[in-house]
Structure formats: C-alpha cells, structure tokens
Amino acid sequence: MTSATEVFDDQQRELCAIVVMRAMLEDYCAEKNISFEEAFLEFAASKAYFMLFDFSTGLWREGPDYLRYVFVEDFH
C-alpha cells in the first residue's frame, strides 16, 4: 500500500492545500464577520500557513476543521 505522499506530486499537494485553506477561511470569515482578505492576512502570518505548505507535515491532506484548529491554537 502506498501513502498519500507517494501518490500526489507537489503541484497536487499545493492544490489540495489551497482548497482546504480556502474552505477554512470562508468558514472563519463567516464566523468572525471579517473579510476574506483580513482572514487570509491573519492566516498567512501564522505557523499553520507554513505548516500547510510544508508538505512533509501532512496538514495539506487534513480537512478545513483540523486546519482551523491548528490555526486558532497557534494564532490565539
């Protein structure tokens, strides 16, 4: 059996990361009543952002809820 990191190339991992990030940020915006840009700037300044795009962490393959947990725990 092969792992997910062996099946996907970096371009596919990046796309997955972006999809998960976008879904998480849309939920975060709605809850906090802030703009997407504001939420993105908060997220881009967090450790969670760097972890998401460091594909060795595997965070890119988790869902938006887990990404949000990592972001909120780091940022707040």
PDB file of N, CA and C in Angstrom:
ATOM      1  N   MET A   1       0.854  -1.181   0.000  1.00  0.00           N
ATOM      2  CA  MET A   1       0.000   0.000   0.000  1.00  0.00           C
ATOM      3  C   MET A   1       0.899   1.242   0.000  1.00  0.00           C
ATOM      4  N   THR A   2       0.558   2.214  -0.815  1.00  0.00           N
ATOM      5  CA  THR A   2       1.331   3.449  -0.883  1.00  0.00           C
ATOM      6  C   THR A   2       0.655   4.529  -0.061  1.00  0.00           C
ATOM      7  N   SER A   3       1.464   5.440   0.458  1.00  0.00           N
ATOM      8  CA  SER A   3       0.907   6.532   1.255  1.00  0.00           C
ATOM      9  C   SER A   3       0.493   7.678   0.342  1.00  0.00           C
ATOM     10  N   ALA A   4      -0.272   8.618   0.899  1.00  0.00           N
ATOM     11  CA  ALA A   4      -0.754   9.762   0.118  1.00  0.00           C
ATOM     12  C   ALA A   4       0.395  10.617  -0.389  1.00  0.00           C
ATOM     13  N   THR A   5       1.484  10.676   0.374  1.00  0.00           N
ATOM     14  CA  THR A   5       2.607  11.495  -0.068  1.00  0.00           C
ATOM     15  C   THR A   5       3.298  10.884  -1.281  1.00  0.00           C
ATOM     16  N   GLU A   6       3.156   9.590  -1.482  1.00  0.00           N
ATOM     17  CA  GLU A   6       3.745   8.940  -2.643  1.00  0.00           C
ATOM     18  C   GLU A   6       2.846   9.040  -3.865  1.00  0.00           C
ATOM     19  N   VAL A   7       1.556   9.200  -3.673  1.00  0.00           N
ATOM     20  CA  VAL A   7       0.592   9.217  -4.767  1.00  0.00           C
ATOM     21  C   VAL A   7       0.509  10.591  -5.428  1.00  0.00           C
ATOM     22  N   PHE A   8       0.637  11.647  -4.642  1.00  0.00           N
ATOM     23  CA  PHE A   8       0.481  13.008  -5.147  1.00  0.00           C
ATOM     24  C   PHE A   8       1.832  13.665  -5.400  1.00  0.00           C
ATOM     25  N   ASP A   9       1.899  14.486  -6.443  1.00  0.00           N
ATOM     26  CA  ASP A   9       3.110  15.283  -6.650  1.00  0.00           C
ATOM     27  C   ASP A   9       2.915  16.635  -5.956  1.00  0.00           C
ATOM     28  N   ASP A  10       3.963  17.466  -5.936  1.00  0.00           N
ATOM     29  CA  ASP A  10       3.883  18.734  -5.204  1.00  0.00           C
ATOM     30  C   ASP A  10       2.810  19.670  -5.742  1.00  0.00           C
ATOM     31  N   GLN A  11       2.580  19.650  -7.036  1.00  0.00           N
ATOM     32  CA  GLN A  11       1.537  20.511  -7.612  1.00  0.00           C
ATOM     33  C   GLN A  11       0.163  20.084  -7.100  1.00  0.00           C
ATOM     34  N   GLN A  12      -0.071  18.796  -7.004  1.00  0.00           N
ATOM     35  CA  GLN A  12      -1.350  18.297  -6.499  1.00  0.00           C
ATOM     36  C   GLN A  12      -1.491  18.579  -5.004  1.00  0.00           C
ATOM     37  N   ARG A  13      -0.393  18.436  -4.256  1.00  0.00           N
ATOM     38  CA  ARG A  13      -0.433  18.751  -2.825  1.00  0.00           C
ATOM     39  C   ARG A  13      -0.762  20.224  -2.612  1.00  0.00           C
ATOM     40  N   GLU A  14      -0.154  21.083  -3.427  1.00  0.00           N
ATOM     41  CA  GLU A  14      -0.423  22.514  -3.312  1.00  0.00           C
ATOM     42  C   GLU A  14      -1.890  22.822  -3.597  1.00  0.00           C
ATOM     43  N   LEU A  15      -2.454  22.197  -4.604  1.00  0.00           N
ATOM     44  CA  LEU A  15      -3.862  22.408  -4.918  1.00  0.00           C
ATOM     45  C   LEU A  15      -4.748  21.957  -3.755  1.00  0.00           C
ATOM     46  N   CYS A  16      -4.450  20.804  -3.186  1.00  0.00           N
ATOM     47  CA  CYS A  16      -5.214  20.325  -2.025  1.00  0.00           C
ATOM     48  C   CYS A  16      -5.103  21.314  -0.868  1.00  0.00           C
ATOM     49  N   ALA A  17      -3.894  21.816  -0.628  1.00  0.00           N
ATOM     50  CA  ALA A  17      -3.678  22.765   0.457  1.00  0.00           C
ATOM     51  C   ALA A  17      -4.501  24.034   0.243  1.00  0.00           C
ATOM     52  N   ILE A  18      -4.535  24.522  -0.979  1.00  0.00           N
ATOM     53  CA  ILE A  18      -5.289  25.735  -1.289  1.00  0.00           C
ATOM     54  C   ILE A  18      -6.784  25.513  -1.097  1.00  0.00           C
ATOM     55  N   VAL A  19      -7.280  24.365  -1.529  1.00  0.00           N
ATOM     56  CA  VAL A  19      -8.709  24.059  -1.377  1.00  0.00           C
ATOM     57  C   VAL A  19      -9.083  23.998   0.104  1.00  0.00           C
ATOM     58  N   VAL A  20      -8.264  23.319   0.906  1.00  0.00           N
ATOM     59  CA  VAL A  20      -8.531  23.204   2.340  1.00  0.00           C
ATOM     60  C   VAL A  20      -8.444  24.580   3.000  1.00  0.00           C
ATOM     61  N   MET A  21      -7.422  25.358   2.631  1.00  0.00           N
ATOM     62  CA  MET A  21      -7.243  26.695   3.200  1.00  0.00           C
ATOM     63  C   MET A  21      -8.439  27.585   2.875  1.00  0.00           C
ATOM     64  N   ARG A  22      -8.862  27.569   1.638  1.00  0.00           N
ATOM     65  CA  ARG A  22      -9.973  28.425   1.220  1.00  0.00           C
ATOM     66  C   ARG A  22     -11.263  28.072   1.974  1.00  0.00           C
ATOM     67  N   ALA A  23     -11.542  26.784   2.086  1.00  0.00           N
ATOM     68  CA  ALA A  23     -12.747  26.352   2.808  1.00  0.00           C
ATOM     69  C   ALA A  23     -12.670  26.779   4.278  1.00  0.00           C
ATOM     70  N   MET A  24     -11.512  26.626   4.888  1.00  0.00           N
ATOM     71  CA  MET A  24     -11.341  27.016   6.285  1.00  0.00           C
ATOM     72  C   MET A  24     -11.526  28.518   6.439  1.00  0.00           C
ATOM     73  N   LEU A  25     -10.918  29.297   5.544  1.00  0.00           N
ATOM     74  CA  LEU A  25     -11.012  30.752   5.648  1.00  0.00           C
ATOM     75  C   LEU A  25     -12.427  31.262   5.400  1.00  0.00           C
ATOM     76  N   GLU A  26     -13.161  30.625   4.506  1.00  0.00           N
ATOM     77  CA  GLU A  26     -14.551  31.034   4.266  1.00  0.00           C
ATOM     78  C   GLU A  26     -15.381  30.845   5.536  1.00  0.00           C
ATOM     79  N   ASP A  27     -15.195  29.716   6.218  1.00  0.00           N
ATOM     80  CA  ASP A  27     -15.907  29.480   7.475  1.00  0.00           C
ATOM     81  C   ASP A  27     -15.476  30.478   8.545  1.00  0.00           C
ATOM     82  N   TYR A  28     -14.183  30.725   8.614  1.00  0.00           N
ATOM     83  CA  TYR A  28     -13.627  31.653   9.596  1.00  0.00           C
ATOM     84  C   TYR A  28     -14.175  33.061   9.372  1.00  0.00           C
ATOM     85  N   CYS A  29     -14.240  33.492   8.119  1.00  0.00           N
ATOM     86  CA  CYS A  29     -14.794  34.818   7.779  1.00  0.00           C
ATOM     87  C   CYS A  29     -16.237  34.947   8.241  1.00  0.00           C
ATOM     88  N   ALA A  30     -17.015  33.931   7.939  1.00  0.00           N
ATOM     89  CA  ALA A  30     -18.435  33.971   8.291  1.00  0.00           C
ATOM     90  C   ALA A  30     -18.619  34.050   9.801  1.00  0.00           C
ATOM     91  N   GLU A  31     -17.827  33.285  10.538  1.00  0.00           N
ATOM     92  CA  GLU A  31     -17.969  33.279  11.983  1.00  0.00           C
ATOM     93  C   GLU A  31     -17.476  34.575  12.620  1.00  0.00           C
ATOM     94  N   LYS A  32     -16.375  35.101  12.130  1.00  0.00           N
ATOM     95  CA  LYS A  32     -15.779  36.311  12.713  1.00  0.00           C
ATOM     96  C   LYS A  32     -16.317  37.597  12.097  1.00  0.00           C
ATOM     97  N   ASN A  33     -17.113  37.457  11.035  1.00  0.00           N
ATOM     98  CA  ASN A  33     -17.669  38.606  10.322  1.00  0.00           C
ATOM     99  C   ASN A  33     -16.565  39.571   9.854  1.00  0.00           C
ATOM    100  N   ILE A  34     -15.563  38.979   9.200  1.00  0.00           N
ATOM    101  CA  ILE A  34     -14.449  39.752   8.647  1.00  0.00           C
ATOM    102  C   ILE A  34     -14.320  39.423   7.168  1.00  0.00           C
ATOM    103  N   SER A  35     -13.573  40.236   6.457  1.00  0.00           N
ATOM    104  CA  SER A  35     -13.378  39.999   5.023  1.00  0.00           C
ATOM    105  C   SER A  35     -12.438  38.821   4.799  1.00  0.00           C
ATOM    106  N   PHE A  36     -12.525  38.240   3.618  1.00  0.00           N
ATOM    107  CA  PHE A  36     -11.633  37.145   3.257  1.00  0.00           C
ATOM    108  C   PHE A  36     -10.189  37.636   3.292  1.00  0.00           C
ATOM    109  N   GLU A  37      -9.960  38.840   2.807  1.00  0.00           N
ATOM    110  CA  GLU A  37      -8.595  39.387   2.789  1.00  0.00           C
ATOM    111  C   GLU A  37      -8.024  39.495   4.205  1.00  0.00           C
ATOM    112  N   GLU A  38      -8.824  39.985   5.126  1.00  0.00           N
ATOM    113  CA  GLU A  38      -8.373  40.109   6.516  1.00  0.00           C
ATOM    114  C   GLU A  38      -8.052  38.731   7.107  1.00  0.00           C
ATOM    115  N   ALA A  39      -8.930  37.779   6.859  1.00  0.00           N
ATOM    116  CA  ALA A  39      -8.703  36.422   7.358  1.00  0.00           C
ATOM    117  C   ALA A  39      -7.452  35.815   6.737  1.00  0.00           C
ATOM    118  N   PHE A  40      -7.278  36.025   5.433  1.00  0.00           N
ATOM    119  CA  PHE A  40      -6.104  35.490   4.763  1.00  0.00           C
ATOM    120  C   PHE A  40      -4.816  36.092   5.325  1.00  0.00           C
ATOM    121  N   LEU A  41      -4.822  37.388   5.580  1.00  0.00           N
ATOM    122  CA  LEU A  41      -3.625  38.030   6.129  1.00  0.00           C
ATOM    123  C   LEU A  41      -3.300  37.493   7.522  1.00  0.00           C
ATOM    124  N   GLU A  42      -4.319  37.260   8.334  1.00  0.00           N
ATOM    125  CA  GLU A  42      -4.105  36.631   9.648  1.00  0.00           C
ATOM    126  C   GLU A  42      -3.498  35.249   9.473  1.00  0.00           C
ATOM    127  N   PHE A  43      -4.106  34.485   8.581  1.00  0.00           N
ATOM    128  CA  PHE A  43      -3.656  33.107   8.377  1.00  0.00           C
ATOM    129  C   PHE A  43      -2.243  33.071   7.809  1.00  0.00           C
ATOM    130  N   ALA A  44      -1.938  33.941   6.871  1.00  0.00           N
ATOM    131  CA  ALA A  44      -0.615  33.949   6.231  1.00  0.00           C
ATOM    132  C   ALA A  44       0.490  34.298   7.219  1.00  0.00           C
ATOM    133  N   ALA A  45       0.146  34.942   8.322  1.00  0.00           N
ATOM    134  CA  ALA A  45       1.133  35.295   9.348  1.00  0.00           C
ATOM    135  C   ALA A  45       1.287  34.203  10.408  1.00  0.00           C
ATOM    136  N   SER A  46       0.571  33.115  10.257  1.00  0.00           N
ATOM    137  CA  SER A  46       0.574  32.073  11.286  1.00  0.00           C
ATOM    138  C   SER A  46       1.518  30.915  10.936  1.00  0.00           C
ATOM    139  N   LYS A  47       1.852  30.158  11.964  1.00  0.00           N
ATOM    140  CA  LYS A  47       2.639  28.935  11.758  1.00  0.00           C
ATOM    141  C   LYS A  47       1.835  27.920  10.948  1.00  0.00           C
ATOM    142  N   ALA A  48       0.528  27.932  11.115  1.00  0.00           N
ATOM    143  CA  ALA A  48      -0.330  26.980  10.405  1.00  0.00           C
ATOM    144  C   ALA A  48      -0.188  27.138   8.891  1.00  0.00           C
ATOM    145  N   TYR A  49      -0.040  28.364   8.423  1.00  0.00           N
ATOM    146  CA  TYR A  49       0.147  28.612   6.986  1.00  0.00           C
ATOM    147  C   TYR A  49       1.407  27.922   6.484  1.00  0.00           C
ATOM    148  N   PHE A  50       2.493  28.104   7.217  1.00  0.00           N
ATOM    149  CA  PHE A  50       3.753  27.489   6.802  1.00  0.00           C
ATOM    150  C   PHE A  50       3.699  25.971   6.926  1.00  0.00           C
ATOM    151  N   MET A  51       3.018  25.492   7.944  1.00  0.00           N
ATOM    152  CA  MET A  51       2.854  24.042   8.088  1.00  0.00           C
ATOM    153  C   MET A  51       2.034  23.471   6.937  1.00  0.00           C
ATOM    154  N   LEU A  52       1.011  24.194   6.518  1.00  0.00           N
ATOM    155  CA  LEU A  52       0.146  23.725   5.443  1.00  0.00           C
ATOM    156  C   LEU A  52       0.931  23.520   4.152  1.00  0.00           C
ATOM    157  N   PHE A  53       1.836  24.437   3.855  1.00  0.00           N
ATOM    158  CA  PHE A  53       2.590  24.358   2.604  1.00  0.00           C
ATOM    159  C   PHE A  53       3.947  23.665   2.765  1.00  0.00           C
ATOM    160  N   ASP A  54       4.236  23.173   3.964  1.00  0.00           N
ATOM    161  CA  ASP A  54       5.361  22.260   4.171  1.00  0.00           C
ATOM    162  C   ASP A  54       4.748  20.865   4.065  1.00  0.00           C
ATOM    163  N   PHE A  55       4.786  20.313   2.881  1.00  0.00           N
ATOM    164  CA  PHE A  55       4.022  19.103   2.592  1.00  0.00           C
ATOM    165  C   PHE A  55       4.437  17.909   3.448  1.00  0.00           C
ATOM    166  N   SER A  56       5.621  17.971   4.054  1.00  0.00           N
ATOM    167  CA  SER A  56       6.066  16.865   4.908  1.00  0.00           C
ATOM    168  C   SER A  56       5.224  16.756   6.184  1.00  0.00           C
ATOM    169  N   THR A  57       4.519  17.832   6.573  1.00  0.00           N
ATOM    170  CA  THR A  57       3.684  17.793   7.783  1.00  0.00           C
ATOM    171  C   THR A  57       2.393  17.004   7.562  1.00  0.00           C
ATOM    172  N   GLY A  58       1.958  16.906   6.311  1.00  0.00           N
ATOM    173  CA  GLY A  58       0.706  16.211   6.011  1.00  0.00           C
ATOM    174  C   GLY A  58      -0.537  17.033   6.299  1.00  0.00           C
ATOM    175  N   LEU A  59      -0.363  18.265   6.767  1.00  0.00           N
ATOM    176  CA  LEU A  59      -1.523  19.108   7.090  1.00  0.00           C
ATOM    177  C   LEU A  59      -2.372  19.375   5.850  1.00  0.00           C
ATOM    178  N   TRP A  60      -1.762  19.380   4.694  1.00  0.00           N
ATOM    179  CA  TRP A  60      -2.470  19.633   3.438  1.00  0.00           C
ATOM    180  C   TRP A  60      -3.558  18.593   3.167  1.00  0.00           C
ATOM    181  N   ARG A  61      -3.438  17.409   3.755  1.00  0.00           N
ATOM    182  CA  ARG A  61      -4.432  16.359   3.478  1.00  0.00           C
ATOM    183  C   ARG A  61      -5.513  16.255   4.553  1.00  0.00           C
ATOM    184  N   GLU A  62      -5.434  17.127   5.544  1.00  0.00           N
ATOM    185  CA  GLU A  62      -6.468  17.177   6.575  1.00  0.00           C
ATOM    186  C   GLU A  62      -7.584  18.106   6.115  1.00  0.00           C
ATOM    187  N   GLY A  63      -8.690  18.054   6.753  1.00  0.00           N
ATOM    188  CA  GLY A  63      -9.820  18.892   6.359  1.00  0.00           C
ATOM    189  C   GLY A  63      -9.736  20.289   6.923  1.00  0.00           C
ATOM    190  N   PRO A  64     -10.656  21.149   6.485  1.00  0.00           N
ATOM    191  CA  PRO A  64     -10.664  22.537   6.939  1.00  0.00           C
ATOM    192  C   PRO A  64     -10.875  22.683   8.452  1.00  0.00           C
ATOM    193  N   ASP A  65     -11.614  21.784   9.062  1.00  0.00           N
ATOM    194  CA  ASP A  65     -11.849  21.891  10.508  1.00  0.00           C
ATOM    195  C   ASP A  65     -10.551  21.689  11.288  1.00  0.00           C
ATOM    196  N   TYR A  66      -9.755  20.719  10.888  1.00  0.00           N
ATOM    197  CA  TYR A  66      -8.490  20.479  11.580  1.00  0.00           C
ATOM    198  C   TYR A  66      -7.515  21.629  11.322  1.00  0.00           C
ATOM    199  N   LEU A  67      -7.479  22.114  10.092  1.00  0.00           N
ATOM    200  CA  LEU A  67      -6.625  23.251   9.780  1.00  0.00           C
ATOM    201  C   LEU A  67      -7.013  24.451  10.641  1.00  0.00           C
ATOM    202  N   ARG A  68      -8.282  24.660  10.802  1.00  0.00           N
ATOM    203  CA  ARG A  68      -8.755  25.779  11.637  1.00  0.00           C
ATOM    204  C   ARG A  68      -8.318  25.602  13.079  1.00  0.00           C
ATOM    205  N   TYR A  69      -8.410  24.383  13.582  1.00  0.00           N
ATOM    206  CA  TYR A  69      -7.957  24.098  14.945  1.00  0.00           C
ATOM    207  C   TYR A  69      -6.474  24.462  15.098  1.00  0.00           C
ATOM    208  N   VAL A  70      -5.645  24.035  14.153  1.00  0.00           N
ATOM    209  CA  VAL A  70      -4.211  24.335  14.207  1.00  0.00           C
ATOM    210  C   VAL A  70      -3.984  25.839  14.139  1.00  0.00           C
ATOM    211  N   PHE A  71      -4.702  26.512  13.270  1.00  0.00           N
ATOM    212  CA  PHE A  71      -4.578  27.965  13.120  1.00  0.00           C
ATOM    213  C   PHE A  71      -4.988  28.694  14.392  1.00  0.00           C
ATOM    214  N   VAL A  72      -6.116  28.369  14.926  1.00  0.00           N
ATOM    215  CA  VAL A  72      -6.633  29.068  16.101  1.00  0.00           C
ATOM    216  C   VAL A  72      -5.742  28.801  17.321  1.00  0.00           C
ATOM    217  N   GLU A  73      -5.276  27.585  17.475  1.00  0.00           N
ATOM    218  CA  GLU A  73      -4.406  27.269  18.591  1.00  0.00           C
ATOM    219  C   GLU A  73      -3.091  28.037  18.500  1.00  0.00           C
ATOM    220  N   ASP A  74      -2.586  28.210  17.305  1.00  0.00           N
ATOM    221  CA  ASP A  74      -1.328  28.936  17.087  1.00  0.00           C
ATOM    222  C   ASP A  74      -1.504  30.437  17.207  1.00  0.00           C
ATOM    223  N   PHE A  75      -2.576  30.938  16.617  1.00  0.00           N
ATOM    224  CA  PHE A  75      -2.750  32.375  16.478  1.00  0.00           C
ATOM    225  C   PHE A  75      -3.300  33.045  17.729  1.00  0.00           C
ATOM    226  N   HIS A  76      -4.062  32.317  18.501  1.00  0.00           N
ATOM    227  CA  HIS A  76      -4.736  32.964  19.630  1.00  0.00           C
ATOM    228  C   HIS A  76      -4.254  32.468  20.956  1.00  0.00           C
TER     229      HIS A  76
END
